[in-house]
Structure formats: C-alpha cells, structure tokens
PDB file of N, CA and C in Angstrom:
ATOM      1  N   UNK A   1    -105.429 172.279 103.637  1.00  0.00           N
ATOM      2  CA  UNK A   1    -104.388 171.988 104.601  1.00  0.00           C
ATOM      3  C   UNK A   1    -104.435 173.089 105.659  1.00  0.00           C
ATOM      4  N   UNK A   2    -104.456 172.698 106.900  1.00  0.00           N
ATOM      5  CA  UNK A   2    -104.565 173.655 107.995  1.00  0.00           C
ATOM      6  C   UNK A   2    -103.229 174.326 108.283  1.00  0.00           C
ATOM      7  N   UNK A   3    -102.142 173.561 108.301  1.00  0.00           N
ATOM      8  CA  UNK A   3    -100.828 174.101 108.638  1.00  0.00           C
ATOM      9  C   UNK A   3     -99.797 173.478 107.708  1.00  0.00           C
ATOM     10  N   UNK A   4     -98.895 174.314 107.176  1.00  0.00           N
ATOM     11  CA  UNK A   4     -97.842 173.828 106.283  1.00  0.00           C
ATOM     12  C   UNK A   4     -96.499 174.012 106.970  1.00  0.00           C
ATOM     13  N   UNK A   5     -95.874 172.909 107.360  1.00  0.00           N
ATOM     14  CA  UNK A   5     -94.592 172.918 108.076  1.00  0.00           C
ATOM     15  C   UNK A   5     -93.446 173.119 107.085  1.00  0.00           C
ATOM     16  N   UNK A   6     -93.096 174.365 106.805  1.00  0.00           N
ATOM     17  CA  UNK A   6     -92.044 174.641 105.833  1.00  0.00           C
ATOM     18  C   UNK A   6     -91.019 175.657 106.342  1.00  0.00           C
ATOM     19  N   UNK A   7     -90.807 175.698 107.641  1.00  0.00           N
ATOM     20  CA  UNK A   7     -89.906 176.695 108.221  1.00  0.00           C
ATOM     21  C   UNK A   7     -88.471 176.224 108.406  1.00  0.00           C
ATOM     22  N   UNK A   8     -88.228 174.925 108.395  1.00  0.00           N
ATOM     23  CA  UNK A   8     -86.845 174.472 108.529  1.00  0.00           C
ATOM     24  C   UNK A   8     -86.556 173.463 107.431  1.00  0.00           C
ATOM     25  N   UNK A   9     -85.290 173.269 107.168  1.00  0.00           N
ATOM     26  CA  UNK A   9     -84.881 172.368 106.093  1.00  0.00           C
ATOM     27  C   UNK A   9     -84.139 171.163 106.658  1.00  0.00           C
ATOM     28  N   UNK A  10     -84.342 170.874 107.938  1.00  0.00           N
ATOM     29  CA  UNK A  10     -83.568 169.825 108.595  1.00  0.00           C
ATOM     30  C   UNK A  10     -84.353 168.533 108.808  1.00  0.00           C
ATOM     31  N   UNK A  11     -85.630 168.555 108.537  1.00  0.00           N
ATOM     32  CA  UNK A  11     -86.454 167.360 108.734  1.00  0.00           C
ATOM     33  C   UNK A  11     -87.097 166.957 107.412  1.00  0.00           C
ATOM     34  N   UNK A  12     -87.090 165.662 107.172  1.00  0.00           N
ATOM     35  CA  UNK A  12     -87.761 165.176 105.964  1.00  0.00           C
ATOM     36  C   UNK A  12     -89.264 165.228 106.160  1.00  0.00           C
ATOM     37  N   UNK A  13     -89.959 165.435 105.067  1.00  0.00           N
ATOM     38  CA  UNK A  13     -91.409 165.515 105.094  1.00  0.00           C
ATOM     39  C   UNK A  13     -92.013 164.562 104.083  1.00  0.00           C
ATOM     40  N   UNK A  14     -93.265 164.245 104.304  1.00  0.00           N
ATOM     41  CA  UNK A  14     -94.039 163.490 103.324  1.00  0.00           C
ATOM     42  C   UNK A  14     -95.173 164.401 102.874  1.00  0.00           C
ATOM     43  N   UNK A  15     -95.094 164.836 101.622  1.00  0.00           N
ATOM     44  CA  UNK A  15     -96.134 165.674 101.038  1.00  0.00           C
ATOM     45  C   UNK A  15     -97.141 164.787 100.312  1.00  0.00           C
ATOM     46  N   UNK A  16     -98.400 165.133 100.418  1.00  0.00           N
ATOM     47  CA  UNK A  16     -99.438 164.472  99.633  1.00  0.00           C
ATOM     48  C   UNK A  16     -99.883 165.443  98.551  1.00  0.00           C
ATOM     49  N   UNK A  17     -99.726 165.019  97.300  1.00  0.00           N
ATOM     50  CA  UNK A  17    -100.155 165.823  96.159  1.00  0.00           C
ATOM     51  C   UNK A  17    -101.494 165.313  95.663  1.00  0.00           C
ATOM     52  N   UNK A  18    -102.393 166.234  95.390  1.00  0.00           N
ATOM     53  CA  UNK A  18    -103.664 165.889  94.758  1.00  0.00           C
ATOM     54  C   UNK A  18    -103.619 166.399  93.327  1.00  0.00           C
ATOM     55  N   UNK A  19    -103.897 165.510  92.395  1.00  0.00           N
ATOM     56  CA  UNK A  19    -103.881 165.832  90.971  1.00  0.00           C
ATOM     57  C   UNK A  19    -105.301 165.667  90.451  1.00  0.00           C
ATOM     58  N   UNK A  20    -105.844 166.716  89.847  1.00  0.00           N
ATOM     59  CA  UNK A  20    -107.170 166.633  89.247  1.00  0.00           C
ATOM     60  C   UNK A  20    -107.022 166.558  87.739  1.00  0.00           C
ATOM     61  N   UNK A  21    -107.644 165.534  87.160  1.00  0.00           N
ATOM     62  CA  UNK A  21    -107.703 165.368  85.713  1.00  0.00           C
ATOM     63  C   UNK A  21    -109.087 165.806  85.258  1.00  0.00           C
ATOM     64  N   UNK A  22    -109.157 166.464  84.091  1.00  0.00           N
ATOM     65  CA  UNK A  22    -110.461 166.895  83.601  1.00  0.00           C
ATOM     66  C   UNK A  22    -110.470 166.946  82.086  1.00  0.00           C
ATOM     67  N   UNK A  23    -111.598 166.510  81.523  1.00  0.00           N
ATOM     68  CA  UNK A  23    -111.876 166.642  80.098  1.00  0.00           C
ATOM     69  C   UNK A  23    -113.351 167.003  79.983  1.00  0.00           C
ATOM     70  N   UNK A  24    -113.633 168.199  79.488  1.00  0.00           N
ATOM     71  CA  UNK A  24    -115.013 168.678  79.486  1.00  0.00           C
ATOM     72  C   UNK A  24    -115.504 168.777  80.911  1.00  0.00           C
ATOM     73  N   UNK A  25    -116.671 168.197  81.189  1.00  0.00           N
ATOM     74  CA  UNK A  25    -117.208 168.210  82.556  1.00  0.00           C
ATOM     75  C   UNK A  25    -116.830 166.967  83.341  1.00  0.00           C
ATOM     76  N   UNK A  26    -116.016 166.101  82.760  1.00  0.00           N
ATOM     77  CA  UNK A  26    -115.622 164.836  83.391  1.00  0.00           C
ATOM     78  C   UNK A  26    -114.314 165.009  84.152  1.00  0.00           C
ATOM     79  N   UNK A  27    -114.283 164.506  85.410  1.00  0.00           N
ATOM     80  CA  UNK A  27    -113.124 164.715  86.279  1.00  0.00           C
ATOM     81  C   UNK A  27    -112.707 163.423  86.968  1.00  0.00           C
ATOM     82  N   UNK A  28    -111.464 163.416  87.429  1.00  0.00           N
ATOM     83  CA  UNK A  28    -110.937 162.337  88.246  1.00  0.00           C
ATOM     84  C   UNK A  28    -109.842 162.883  89.140  1.00  0.00           C
ATOM     85  N   UNK A  29    -109.531 162.152  90.209  1.00  0.00           N
ATOM     86  CA  UNK A  29    -108.541 162.608  91.183  1.00  0.00           C
ATOM     87  C   UNK A  29    -107.530 161.512  91.464  1.00  0.00           C
ATOM     88  N   UNK A  30    -106.280 161.941  91.570  1.00  0.00           N
ATOM     89  CA  UNK A  30    -105.184 161.068  91.981  1.00  0.00           C
ATOM     90  C   UNK A  30    -104.539 161.706  93.204  1.00  0.00           C
ATOM     91  N   UNK A  31    -104.055 160.893  94.135  1.00  0.00           N
ATOM     92  CA  UNK A  31    -103.259 161.406  95.254  1.00  0.00           C
ATOM     93  C   UNK A  31    -102.006 160.564  95.361  1.00  0.00           C
ATOM     94  N   UNK A  32    -100.877 161.266  95.517  1.00  0.00           N
ATOM     95  CA  UNK A  32     -99.571 160.621  95.567  1.00  0.00           C
ATOM     96  C   UNK A  32     -98.743 161.248  96.678  1.00  0.00           C
ATOM     97  N   UNK A  33     -97.968 160.426  97.378  1.00  0.00           N
ATOM     98  CA  UNK A  33     -97.040 160.942  98.386  1.00  0.00           C
ATOM     99  C   UNK A  33     -95.659 161.115  97.777  1.00  0.00           C
ATOM    100  N   UNK A  34     -95.016 162.225  98.155  1.00  0.00           N
ATOM    101  CA  UNK A  34     -93.636 162.497  97.756  1.00  0.00           C
ATOM    102  C   UNK A  34     -92.884 162.873  99.017  1.00  0.00           C
ATOM    103  N   UNK A  35     -91.767 162.198  99.286  1.00  0.00           N
ATOM    104  CA  UNK A  35     -91.010 162.507 100.499  1.00  0.00           C
ATOM    105  C   UNK A  35     -89.692 163.173 100.138  1.00  0.00           C
ATOM    106  N   UNK A  36     -89.138 163.875 101.119  1.00  0.00           N
ATOM    107  CA  UNK A  36     -87.881 164.586 100.941  1.00  0.00           C
ATOM    108  C   UNK A  36     -87.867 165.827 101.804  1.00  0.00           C
ATOM    109  N   UNK A  37     -86.846 166.659 101.633  1.00  0.00           N
ATOM    110  CA  UNK A  37     -86.774 167.886 102.424  1.00  0.00           C
ATOM    111  C   UNK A  37     -86.940 169.115 101.537  1.00  0.00           C
ATOM    112  N   UNK A  38     -87.797 169.020 100.549  1.00  0.00           N
ATOM    113  CA  UNK A  38     -88.148 170.137  99.672  1.00  0.00           C
ATOM    114  C   UNK A  38     -89.489 170.706 100.110  1.00  0.00           C
ATOM    115  N   UNK A  39     -89.819 171.878  99.588  1.00  0.00           N
ATOM    116  CA  UNK A  39     -91.054 172.557  99.946  1.00  0.00           C
ATOM    117  C   UNK A  39     -91.734 173.130  98.713  1.00  0.00           C
ATOM    118  N   UNK A  40     -93.002 173.449  98.880  1.00  0.00           N
ATOM    119  CA  UNK A  40     -93.760 174.250  97.933  1.00  0.00           C
ATOM    120  C   UNK A  40     -93.578 173.895  96.471  1.00  0.00           C
ATOM    121  N   UNK A  41     -93.179 174.883  95.694  1.00  0.00           N
ATOM    122  CA  UNK A  41     -93.059 174.726  94.247  1.00  0.00           C
ATOM    123  C   UNK A  41     -92.066 173.635  93.868  1.00  0.00           C
ATOM    124  N   UNK A  42     -91.031 173.428  94.685  1.00  0.00           N
ATOM    125  CA  UNK A  42     -90.077 172.353  94.384  1.00  0.00           C
ATOM    126  C   UNK A  42     -90.763 170.992  94.394  1.00  0.00           C
ATOM    127  N   UNK A  43     -91.696 170.781  95.308  1.00  0.00           N
ATOM    128  CA  UNK A  43     -92.460 169.532  95.343  1.00  0.00           C
ATOM    129  C   UNK A  43     -93.345 169.435  94.105  1.00  0.00           C
ATOM    130  N   UNK A  44     -94.020 170.524  93.768  1.00  0.00           N
ATOM    131  CA  UNK A  44     -94.892 170.517  92.589  1.00  0.00           C
ATOM    132  C   UNK A  44     -94.093 170.262  91.313  1.00  0.00           C
ATOM    133  N   UNK A  45     -92.905 170.846  91.220  1.00  0.00           N
ATOM    134  CA  UNK A  45     -92.065 170.635  90.037  1.00  0.00           C
ATOM    135  C   UNK A  45     -91.540 169.207  89.949  1.00  0.00           C
ATOM    136  N   UNK A  46     -91.446 168.532  91.083  1.00  0.00           N
ATOM    137  CA  UNK A  46     -90.956 167.156  91.116  1.00  0.00           C
ATOM    138  C   UNK A  46     -91.953 166.194  90.469  1.00  0.00           C
ATOM    139  N   UNK A  47     -93.234 166.564  90.498  1.00  0.00           N
ATOM    140  CA  UNK A  47     -94.281 165.698  89.967  1.00  0.00           C
ATOM    141  C   UNK A  47     -94.155 165.555  88.452  1.00  0.00           C
ATOM    142  N   UNK A  48     -94.270 164.321  87.988  1.00  0.00           N
ATOM    143  CA  UNK A  48     -94.274 164.028  86.556  1.00  0.00           C
ATOM    144  C   UNK A  48     -95.338 162.972  86.285  1.00  0.00           C
ATOM    145  N   UNK A  49     -96.322 163.281  85.449  1.00  0.00           N
ATOM    146  CA  UNK A  49     -97.373 162.296  85.191  1.00  0.00           C
ATOM    147  C   UNK A  49     -96.848 161.013  84.564  1.00  0.00           C
ATOM    148  N   UNK A  50     -95.777 161.102  83.814  1.00  0.00           N
ATOM    149  CA  UNK A  50     -95.231 159.923  83.146  1.00  0.00           C
ATOM    150  C   UNK A  50     -94.517 158.982  84.113  1.00  0.00           C
ATOM    151  N   UNK A  51     -94.172 159.477  85.300  1.00  0.00           N
ATOM    152  CA  UNK A  51     -93.470 158.621  86.263  1.00  0.00           C
ATOM    153  C   UNK A  51     -94.377 158.153  87.405  1.00  0.00           C
ATOM    154  N   UNK A  52     -95.675 158.361  87.265  1.00  0.00           N
ATOM    155  CA  UNK A  52     -96.613 157.879  88.286  1.00  0.00           C
ATOM    156  C   UNK A  52     -96.535 156.367  88.404  1.00  0.00           C
ATOM    157  N   UNK A  53     -96.546 155.885  89.623  1.00  0.00           N
ATOM    158  CA  UNK A  53     -96.613 154.448  89.868  1.00  0.00           C
ATOM    159  C   UNK A  53     -97.995 154.176  90.450  1.00  0.00           C
ATOM    160  N   UNK A  54     -98.886 153.737  89.579  1.00  0.00           N
ATOM    161  CA  UNK A  54    -100.299 153.605  89.918  1.00  0.00           C
ATOM    162  C   UNK A  54    -100.520 152.771  91.174  1.00  0.00           C
ATOM    163  N   UNK A  55     -99.734 151.724  91.360  1.00  0.00           N
ATOM    164  CA  UNK A  55     -99.947 150.848  92.511  1.00  0.00           C
ATOM    165  C   UNK A  55     -99.640 151.536  93.840  1.00  0.00           C
ATOM    166  N   UNK A  56     -98.934 152.671  93.828  1.00  0.00           N
ATOM    167  CA  UNK A  56     -98.604 153.384  95.060  1.00  0.00           C
ATOM    168  C   UNK A  56     -99.465 154.620  95.294  1.00  0.00           C
ATOM    169  N   UNK A  57    -100.435 154.878  94.436  1.00  0.00           N
ATOM    170  CA  UNK A  57    -101.300 156.034  94.621  1.00  0.00           C
ATOM    171  C   UNK A  57    -102.194 155.839  95.842  1.00  0.00           C
ATOM    172  N   UNK A  58    -102.379 156.903  96.621  1.00  0.00           N
ATOM    173  CA  UNK A  58    -103.284 156.865  97.769  1.00  0.00           C
ATOM    174  C   UNK A  58    -104.735 156.893  97.309  1.00  0.00           C
ATOM    175  N   UNK A  59    -104.969 157.572  96.200  1.00  0.00           N
ATOM    176  CA  UNK A  59    -106.312 157.651  95.624  1.00  0.00           C
ATOM    177  C   UNK A  59    -106.181 157.605  94.111  1.00  0.00           C
ATOM    178  N   UNK A  60    -107.103 156.899  93.478  1.00  0.00           N
ATOM    179  CA  UNK A  60    -107.129 156.786  92.021  1.00  0.00           C
ATOM    180  C   UNK A  60    -108.579 156.535  91.622  1.00  0.00           C
ATOM    181  N   UNK A  61    -109.428 157.558  91.782  1.00  0.00           N
ATOM    182  CA  UNK A  61    -110.852 157.353  91.538  1.00  0.00           C
ATOM    183  C   UNK A  61    -111.222 157.376  90.056  1.00  0.00           C
ATOM    184  N   UNK A  62    -110.218 157.505  89.198  1.00  0.00           N
ATOM    185  CA  UNK A  62    -110.468 157.488  87.754  1.00  0.00           C
ATOM    186  C   UNK A  62    -109.883 156.236  87.099  1.00  0.00           C
ATOM    187  N   UNK A  63    -109.462 155.291  87.918  1.00  0.00           N
ATOM    188  CA  UNK A  63    -108.929 154.019  87.409  1.00  0.00           C
ATOM    189  C   UNK A  63    -107.807 154.214  86.388  1.00  0.00           C
ATOM    190  N   UNK A  64    -106.933 155.185  86.651  1.00  0.00           N
ATOM    191  CA  UNK A  64    -105.794 155.403  85.759  1.00  0.00           C
ATOM    192  C   UNK A  64    -104.942 154.145  85.710  1.00  0.00           C
ATOM    193  N   UNK A  65    -104.585 153.757  84.503  1.00  0.00           N
ATOM    194  CA  UNK A  65    -103.666 152.632  84.324  1.00  0.00           C
ATOM    195  C   UNK A  65    -102.815 152.890  83.089  1.00  0.00           C
ATOM    196  N   UNK A  66    -101.600 152.394  83.154  1.00  0.00           N
ATOM    197  CA  UNK A  66    -100.709 152.463  82.001  1.00  0.00           C
ATOM    198  C   UNK A  66    -100.800 151.117  81.306  1.00  0.00           C
ATOM    199  N   UNK A  67    -101.125 151.147  80.015  1.00  0.00           N
ATOM    200  CA  UNK A  67    -101.497 149.908  79.329  1.00  0.00           C
ATOM    201  C   UNK A  67    -100.435 149.393  78.377  1.00  0.00           C
ATOM    202  N   UNK A  68     -99.256 150.008  78.379  1.00  0.00           N
ATOM    203  CA  UNK A  68     -98.154 149.463  77.599  1.00  0.00           C
ATOM    204  C   UNK A  68     -97.854 150.237  76.326  1.00  0.00           C
ATOM    205  N   UNK A  69     -97.013 149.618  75.518  1.00  0.00           N
ATOM    206  CA  UNK A  69     -96.527 150.247  74.288  1.00  0.00           C
ATOM    207  C   UNK A  69     -97.320 149.779  73.081  1.00  0.00           C
ATOM    208  N   UNK A  70     -97.399 150.671  72.093  1.00  0.00           N
ATOM    209  CA  UNK A  70     -97.959 150.265  70.812  1.00  0.00           C
ATOM    210  C   UNK A  70     -96.820 149.766  69.917  1.00  0.00           C
ATOM    211  N   UNK A  71     -97.113 149.479  68.668  1.00  0.00           N
ATOM    212  CA  UNK A  71     -96.113 148.935  67.746  1.00  0.00           C
ATOM    213  C   UNK A  71     -94.984 149.914  67.442  1.00  0.00           C
ATOM    214  N   UNK A  72     -95.237 151.208  67.682  1.00  0.00           N
ATOM    215  CA  UNK A  72     -94.213 152.229  67.442  1.00  0.00           C
ATOM    216  C   UNK A  72     -93.396 152.547  68.691  1.00  0.00           C
ATOM    217  N   UNK A  73     -93.645 151.826  69.787  1.00  0.00           N
ATOM    218  CA  UNK A  73     -92.899 152.048  71.021  1.00  0.00           C
ATOM    219  C   UNK A  73     -93.448 153.166  71.885  1.00  0.00           C
ATOM    220  N   UNK A  74     -94.618 153.692  71.549  1.00  0.00           N
ATOM    221  CA  UNK A  74     -95.233 154.768  72.333  1.00  0.00           C
ATOM    222  C   UNK A  74     -96.031 154.166  73.494  1.00  0.00           C
ATOM    223  N   UNK A  75     -95.859 154.731  74.695  1.00  0.00           N
ATOM    224  CA  UNK A  75     -96.589 154.281  75.887  1.00  0.00           C
ATOM    225  C   UNK A  75     -98.002 154.865  75.884  1.00  0.00           C
ATOM    226  N   UNK A  76     -98.963 154.085  76.388  1.00  0.00           N
ATOM    227  CA  UNK A  76    -100.364 154.494  76.436  1.00  0.00           C
ATOM    228  C   UNK A  76    -100.912 154.402  77.855  1.00  0.00           C
ATOM    229  N   UNK A  77    -101.954 155.216  78.129  1.00  0.00           N
ATOM    230  CA  UNK A  77    -102.674 155.152  79.396  1.00  0.00           C
ATOM    231  C   UNK A  77    -104.170 155.083  79.110  1.00  0.00           C
ATOM    232  N   UNK A  78    -104.900 154.698  80.145  1.00  0.00           N
ATOM    233  CA  UNK A  78    -106.362 154.691  80.088  1.00  0.00           C
ATOM    234  C   UNK A  78    -106.872 155.196  81.430  1.00  0.00           C
ATOM    235  N   UNK A  79    -107.950 155.983  81.410  1.00  0.00           N
ATOM    236  CA  UNK A  79    -108.616 156.395  82.640  1.00  0.00           C
ATOM    237  C   UNK A  79    -110.099 156.591  82.358  1.00  0.00           C
ATOM    238  N   UNK A  80    -110.881 156.612  83.416  1.00  0.00           N
ATOM    239  CA  UNK A  80    -112.320 156.831  83.306  1.00  0.00           C
ATOM    240  C   UNK A  80    -112.673 158.021  84.189  1.00  0.00           C
ATOM    241  N   UNK A  81    -113.040 159.128  83.560  1.00  0.00           N
ATOM    242  CA  UNK A  81    -113.438 160.329  84.279  1.00  0.00           C
ATOM    243  C   UNK A  81    -114.956 160.335  84.412  1.00  0.00           C
ATOM    244  N   UNK A  82    -115.466 161.027  85.435  1.00  0.00           N
ATOM    245  CA  UNK A  82    -116.912 161.056  85.685  1.00  0.00           C
ATOM    246  C   UNK A  82    -117.399 162.488  85.846  1.00  0.00           C
ATOM    247  N   UNK A  83    -118.645 162.716  85.416  1.00  0.00           N
ATOM    248  CA  UNK A  83    -119.259 164.017  85.652  1.00  0.00           C
ATOM    249  C   UNK A  83    -120.028 163.979  86.975  1.00  0.00           C
ATOM    250  N   UNK A  84    -120.688 165.085  87.310  1.00  0.00           N
ATOM    251  CA  UNK A  84    -121.392 165.183  88.595  1.00  0.00           C
ATOM    252  C   UNK A  84    -122.555 164.201  88.722  1.00  0.00           C
ATOM    253  N   UNK A  85    -123.095 163.748  87.592  1.00  0.00           N
ATOM    254  CA  UNK A  85    -124.200 162.787  87.618  1.00  0.00           C
ATOM    255  C   UNK A  85    -123.714 161.342  87.604  1.00  0.00           C
ATOM    256  N   UNK A  86    -122.402 161.133  87.533  1.00  0.00           N
ATOM    257  CA  UNK A  86    -121.856 159.782  87.519  1.00  0.00           C
ATOM    258  C   UNK A  86    -121.665 159.196  86.133  1.00  0.00           C
ATOM    259  N   UNK A  87    -121.970 159.974  85.086  1.00  0.00           N
ATOM    260  CA  UNK A  87    -121.717 159.512  83.723  1.00  0.00           C
ATOM    261  C   UNK A  87    -120.216 159.411  83.499  1.00  0.00           C
ATOM    262  N   UNK A  88    -119.801 158.444  82.706  1.00  0.00           N
ATOM    263  CA  UNK A  88    -118.380 158.165  82.527  1.00  0.00           C
ATOM    264  C   UNK A  88    -117.884 158.556  81.144  1.00  0.00           C
ATOM    265  N   UNK A  89    -116.619 158.939  81.108  1.00  0.00           N
ATOM    266  CA  UNK A  89    -115.919 159.236  79.863  1.00  0.00           C
ATOM    267  C   UNK A  89    -114.585 158.492  79.917  1.00  0.00           C
ATOM    268  N   UNK A  90    -114.443 157.472  79.085  1.00  0.00           N
ATOM    269  CA  UNK A  90    -113.192 156.711  79.055  1.00  0.00           C
ATOM    270  C   UNK A  90    -112.228 157.380  78.082  1.00  0.00           C
ATOM    271  N   UNK A  91    -111.006 157.566  78.546  1.00  0.00           N
ATOM    272  CA  UNK A  91    -109.967 158.185  77.725  1.00  0.00           C
ATOM    273  C   UNK A  91    -108.813 157.212  77.611  1.00  0.00           C
ATOM    274  N   UNK A  92    -108.353 157.015  76.396  1.00  0.00           N
ATOM    275  CA  UNK A  92    -107.181 156.183  76.119  1.00  0.00           C
ATOM    276  C   UNK A  92    -106.310 156.987  75.168  1.00  0.00           C
ATOM    277  N   UNK A  93    -105.063 157.249  75.578  1.00  0.00           N
ATOM    278  CA  UNK A  93    -104.218 158.143  74.789  1.00  0.00           C
ATOM    279  C   UNK A  93    -102.750 157.863  75.101  1.00  0.00           C
ATOM    280  N   UNK A  94    -101.878 158.576  74.373  1.00  0.00           N
ATOM    281  CA  UNK A  94    -100.444 158.485  74.628  1.00  0.00           C
ATOM    282  C   UNK A  94    -100.138 158.990  76.039  1.00  0.00           C
ATOM    283  N   UNK A  95     -99.204 158.353  76.715  1.00  0.00           N
ATOM    284  CA  UNK A  95     -98.844 158.756  78.071  1.00  0.00           C
ATOM    285  C   UNK A  95     -98.354 160.195  78.121  1.00  0.00           C
ATOM    286  N   UNK A  96     -97.625 160.643  77.101  1.00  0.00           N
ATOM    287  CA  UNK A  96     -97.133 162.029  77.136  1.00  0.00           C
ATOM    288  C   UNK A  96     -98.276 163.040  77.028  1.00  0.00           C
ATOM    289  N   UNK A  97     -99.467 162.614  76.621  1.00  0.00           N
ATOM    290  CA  UNK A  97    -100.618 163.514  76.568  1.00  0.00           C
ATOM    291  C   UNK A  97    -101.410 163.553  77.874  1.00  0.00           C
ATOM    292  N   UNK A  98    -101.028 162.740  78.857  1.00  0.00           N
ATOM    293  CA  UNK A  98    -101.719 162.748  80.145  1.00  0.00           C
ATOM    294  C   UNK A  98    -101.669 164.133  80.780  1.00  0.00           C
ATOM    295  N   UNK A  99    -100.568 164.850  80.603  1.00  0.00           N
ATOM    296  CA  UNK A  99    -100.450 166.176  81.222  1.00  0.00           C
ATOM    297  C   UNK A  99    -101.484 167.161  80.686  1.00  0.00           C
ATOM    298  N   UNK A 100    -102.034 166.918  79.509  1.00  0.00           N
ATOM    299  CA  UNK A 100    -103.077 167.804  78.970  1.00  0.00           C
ATOM    300  C   UNK A 100    -104.362 167.739  79.780  1.00  0.00           C
ATOM    301  N   UNK A 101    -104.552 166.651  80.512  1.00  0.00           N
ATOM    302  CA  UNK A 101    -105.754 166.485  81.334  1.00  0.00           C
ATOM    303  C   UNK A 101    -105.609 167.107  82.719  1.00  0.00           C
ATOM    304  N   UNK A 102    -104.388 167.444  83.127  1.00  0.00           N
ATOM    305  CA  UNK A 102    -104.153 167.953  84.484  1.00  0.00           C
ATOM    306  C   UNK A 102    -104.584 169.415  84.567  1.00  0.00           C
ATOM    307  N   UNK A 103    -105.576 169.669  85.427  1.00  0.00           N
ATOM    308  CA  UNK A 103    -106.066 171.034  85.614  1.00  0.00           C
ATOM    309  C   UNK A 103    -105.748 171.576  87.007  1.00  0.00           C
ATOM    310  N   UNK A 104    -105.345 170.676  87.914  1.00  0.00           N
ATOM    311  CA  UNK A 104    -104.981 171.132  89.262  1.00  0.00           C
ATOM    312  C   UNK A 104    -103.922 170.210  89.835  1.00  0.00           C
ATOM    313  N   UNK A 105    -102.921 170.821  90.456  1.00  0.00           N
ATOM    314  CA  UNK A 105    -101.864 170.108  91.168  1.00  0.00           C
ATOM    315  C   UNK A 105    -101.667 170.854  92.480  1.00  0.00           C
ATOM    316  N   UNK A 106    -102.004 170.205  93.599  1.00  0.00           N
ATOM    317  CA  UNK A 106    -102.032 170.895  94.885  1.00  0.00           C
ATOM    318  C   UNK A 106    -101.437 170.028  95.987  1.00  0.00           C
ATOM    319  N   UNK A 107    -100.659 170.664  96.873  1.00  0.00           N
ATOM    320  CA  UNK A 107    -100.196 169.999  98.091  1.00  0.00           C
ATOM    321  C   UNK A 107    -101.362 170.053  99.075  1.00  0.00           C
ATOM    322  N   UNK A 108    -101.882 168.889  99.460  1.00  0.00           N
ATOM    323  CA  UNK A 108    -103.044 168.854 100.354  1.00  0.00           C
ATOM    324  C   UNK A 108    -102.693 168.386 101.762  1.00  0.00           C
ATOM    325  N   UNK A 109    -101.458 167.883 101.947  1.00  0.00           N
ATOM    326  CA  UNK A 109    -101.036 167.460 103.278  1.00  0.00           C
ATOM    327  C   UNK A 109     -99.514 167.441 103.329  1.00  0.00           C
ATOM    328  N   UNK A 110     -98.982 167.682 104.505  1.00  0.00           N
ATOM    329  CA  UNK A 110     -97.537 167.633 104.722  1.00  0.00           C
ATOM    330  C   UNK A 110     -97.302 167.165 106.152  1.00  0.00           C
ATOM    331  N   UNK A 111     -96.562 166.075 106.277  1.00  0.00           N
ATOM    332  CA  UNK A 111     -96.259 165.521 107.595  1.00  0.00           C
ATOM    333  C   UNK A 111     -94.752 165.423 107.756  1.00  0.00           C
ATOM    334  N   UNK A 112     -94.297 165.652 108.969  1.00  0.00           N
ATOM    335  CA  UNK A 112     -92.890 165.444 109.281  1.00  0.00           C
ATOM    336  C   UNK A 112     -92.648 163.944 109.283  1.00  0.00           C
ATOM    337  N   UNK A 113     -91.624 163.510 108.562  1.00  0.00           N
ATOM    338  CA  UNK A 113     -91.308 162.083 108.489  1.00  0.00           C
ATOM    339  C   UNK A 113     -90.631 161.661 109.781  1.00  0.00           C
ATOM    340  N   UNK A 114     -91.127 160.597 110.378  1.00  0.00           N
ATOM    341  CA  UNK A 114     -90.558 160.073 111.619  1.00  0.00           C
ATOM    342  C   UNK A 114     -89.367 159.191 111.260  1.00  0.00           C
ATOM    343  N   UNK A 115     -88.171 159.658 111.574  1.00  0.00           N
ATOM    344  CA  UNK A 115     -86.949 158.917 111.245  1.00  0.00           C
ATOM    345  C   UNK A 115     -86.375 158.178 112.445  1.00  0.00           C
ATOM    346  N   UNK A 116     -87.186 157.989 113.480  1.00  0.00           N
ATOM    347  CA  UNK A 116     -86.673 157.285 114.655  1.00  0.00           C
ATOM    348  C   UNK A 116     -86.496 155.808 114.344  1.00  0.00           C
ATOM    349  N   UNK A 117     -85.472 155.245 114.917  1.00  0.00           N
ATOM    350  CA  UNK A 117     -85.202 153.821 114.730  1.00  0.00           C
ATOM    351  C   UNK A 117     -85.916 153.028 115.811  1.00  0.00           C
ATOM    352  N   UNK A 118     -86.479 151.913 115.432  1.00  0.00           N
ATOM    353  CA  UNK A 118     -87.116 151.046 116.422  1.00  0.00           C
ATOM    354  C   UNK A 118     -86.197 149.879 116.719  1.00  0.00           C
ATOM    355  N   UNK A 119     -86.240 149.414 117.973  1.00  0.00           N
ATOM    356  CA  UNK A 119     -85.376 148.305 118.387  1.00  0.00           C
ATOM    357  C   UNK A 119     -86.152 147.029 118.429  1.00  0.00           C
TER     358      UNK A 119
END
C-alpha cells in the first residue's frame, strides 16, 4: 500500500484485507473488504475466519468453501492450497480450525468511502 489514509476519524473507509493460508509449502490467498471508520489493528481485530462470506470475497484462489454441519453440529470448510509448482493440497476440517492455517493478515488497500448521494 502506497498511502494509508488514517489521519481523521470523520470519513468512512473501505479496507481490503489480504489473508494468507498456509500448510507446509502449500498456500492460498483470500481478499475481503471491510468498511467503517476504524483503522489499523482495529480492522485486523474485526476479521474473523468463521464469519467469512465466501461469495463476497474479492479473491479466493484456494477455493475456500464452507460445506455445512456434520452429525454433531460442527461446521466444516474445504480449501485447496497450492505450492510454487502448482501441486495441490486439499484440506477439509472444522471451521474453527481455519484460523490455524492463517499465517498473514494484512491491510493491502484503504479507500475513502464515497458517501455522496446521486439524484
């Protein structure tokens, strides 16, 4: 990010978060927008892997999907991570274990939200 607009608290912003998932040498990336008038660590703390809405992700190169509940009521996810040669590693696990795969959480973009009304 070239410039981070975090000097005033009077304008809403749209932050883009990049989330890197990794297991061994296999990686995947997710990008999600979060809007509001928070900054920095507050935006990072707002992120929760269990509340991701896959259909609204800007990027999902690991095909993350939430696949539902098992017989015990536990939620599950599936993703496909890739190494540098393009080899794939499919992971299917409890949704609460998704955070174990997160190795990077970074604000990669921040834009001032345009709140002008159009006629």
